[in-house]
Amino acid sequence: AQQIASQAGRVYDKLRGVVEKMEKLGRQLDTAKNSYDEAWSSLKSGRGNLVAQSEKFRELGVRVKKELPRHLVEEADPAHHLGDGDDQPDNGQTGPDKAIEKSE
């Protein structure tokens, strides 16, 4: 009985250690996700965001090897999808939480 109790205590302590590591990892993943979301936001949100500015250059005739994904351009500048006749959602993904909100 003493041997079982001793082994059970070691297993319990090991489990506690793994739980603590998982909690730490979860906090680190949350921090990384927040940083990722902030980086995407700085690219595609607000007046004069980088995606909208770059798309305007392309529209002015700047040569590019490959255009930015349409859904990203529309998300960065909602005026790009007004009146385009496409009421279907774009299923292309740019991030894990891709959701276009048409607010204008």
Protein backbone atom coordinates (compact mmCIF):
# COMPACT_ATOMS: atom_id res chain seq x y z
CA ALA A 1 0.00 0.00 0.00
CA GLN A 2 2.88 2.35 0.82
CA GLN A 3 4.47 1.68 -2.59
CA ILE A 4 1.19 2.39 -4.42
CA ALA A 5 0.70 5.63 -2.47
CA SER A 6 4.26 6.73 -3.28
CA GLN A 7 3.83 5.97 -6.99
CA ALA A 8 0.43 7.72 -7.05
CA GLY A 9 2.03 10.82 -5.53
CA ARG A 10 4.72 10.85 -8.26
CA VAL A 11 2.10 10.45 -11.00
CA TYR A 12 0.01 13.25 -9.49
CA ASP A 13 3.02 15.58 -9.26
CA LYS A 14 3.98 14.78 -12.87
CA LEU A 15 0.42 15.50 -14.01
CA ARG A 16 0.46 18.82 -12.14
CA GLY A 17 3.70 19.74 -13.94
CA VAL A 18 2.22 18.93 -17.35
CA VAL A 19 -0.94 20.93 -16.56
CA GLU A 20 1.18 23.95 -15.59
CA LYS A 21 3.15 23.68 -18.84
CA MET A 22 -0.08 23.44 -20.85
CA GLU A 23 -1.47 26.53 -19.13
CA LYS A 24 1.75 28.42 -19.88
CA LEU A 25 1.62 27.28 -23.50
CA GLY A 26 -2.00 28.44 -23.76
CA ARG A 27 -1.05 31.91 -22.51
CA GLN A 28 1.83 32.06 -25.00
CA LEU A 29 -0.45 31.00 -27.85
CA ASP A 30 -2.93 33.72 -26.86
CA THR A 31 -0.11 36.28 -26.95
CA ALA A 32 1.07 35.02 -30.35
CA LYS A 33 -2.53 35.13 -31.69
CA ASN A 34 -2.95 38.70 -30.49
CA SER A 35 0.31 39.71 -32.17
CA TYR A 36 -0.79 37.98 -35.38
CA ASP A 37 -4.16 39.74 -35.35
CA GLU A 38 -2.52 43.13 -34.71
CA ALA A 39 -0.13 42.60 -37.63
CA TRP A 40 -3.00 41.71 -40.00
CA SER A 41 -4.96 44.69 -38.72
CA SER A 42 -2.12 47.08 -39.47
CA LEU A 43 -1.99 45.74 -43.02
CA LYS A 44 -5.67 45.92 -43.89
CA SER A 45 -7.47 48.28 -41.49
CA GLY A 46 -7.90 52.00 -41.20
CA ARG A 47 -7.64 54.79 -43.71
CA GLY A 48 -4.65 54.46 -45.95
CA ASN A 49 -3.86 50.91 -44.91
CA LEU A 50 -1.06 49.18 -46.80
CA VAL A 51 -3.29 46.81 -48.75
CA ALA A 52 -5.58 49.59 -50.01
CA GLN A 53 -2.66 51.87 -50.87
CA SER A 54 -0.88 49.08 -52.75
CA GLU A 55 -4.02 48.18 -54.66
CA LYS A 56 -4.43 51.81 -55.75
CA PHE A 57 -0.88 51.71 -57.17
CA ARG A 58 -1.77 48.56 -59.10
CA GLU A 59 -4.92 50.24 -60.42
CA LEU A 60 -2.79 53.16 -61.61
CA GLY A 61 -0.78 50.76 -63.76
CA VAL A 62 2.07 49.60 -61.55
CA ARG A 63 3.16 46.20 -62.81
CA VAL A 64 2.89 43.33 -60.37
CA LYS A 65 3.75 39.67 -60.75
CA LYS A 66 0.66 38.53 -58.88
CA GLU A 67 -2.33 40.45 -57.55
CA LEU A 68 -3.31 40.38 -53.89
CA PRO A 69 -6.22 38.07 -53.08
CA ARG A 70 -9.51 39.78 -53.94
CA HIS A 71 -11.09 39.12 -50.56
CA LEU A 72 -8.15 40.85 -48.85
CA VAL A 73 -8.47 43.91 -51.11
CA GLU A 74 -12.23 44.05 -50.47
CA GLU A 75 -11.72 43.73 -46.75
CA ALA A 76 -9.14 46.51 -46.77
CA ASP A 77 -11.26 48.80 -48.95
CA PRO A 78 -14.99 47.94 -48.94
CA ALA A 79 -15.52 50.28 -51.92
CA HIS A 80 -13.86 47.63 -54.11
CA HIS A 81 -16.81 45.26 -53.75
CA LEU A 82 -19.69 47.72 -53.87
CA GLY A 83 -21.75 47.06 -56.97
CA ASP A 84 -19.59 44.24 -58.28
CA GLY A 85 -22.66 41.99 -58.50
CA ASP A 86 -21.06 39.30 -56.39
CA ASP A 87 -23.20 38.74 -53.34
CA GLN A 88 -21.53 35.41 -52.55
CA PRO A 89 -19.05 35.37 -49.68
CA ASP A 90 -15.43 34.88 -50.66
CA ASN A 91 -14.29 31.63 -49.10
CA GLY A 92 -10.58 32.41 -49.40
CA GLN A 93 -8.86 32.56 -46.03
CA THR A 94 -6.32 35.18 -44.97
CA GLY A 95 -6.17 34.35 -41.30
CA PRO A 96 -7.67 31.95 -38.86
CA ASP A 97 -10.59 34.21 -38.00
CA LYS A 98 -11.47 35.37 -41.52
CA ALA A 99 -14.83 37.14 -41.45
CA ILE A 100 -15.71 40.05 -43.70
CA GLU A 101 -18.06 42.52 -42.14
CA LYS A 102 -19.73 44.76 -44.70
CA SER A 103 -20.20 47.92 -42.68
CA GLU A 104 -20.63 50.56 -45.35
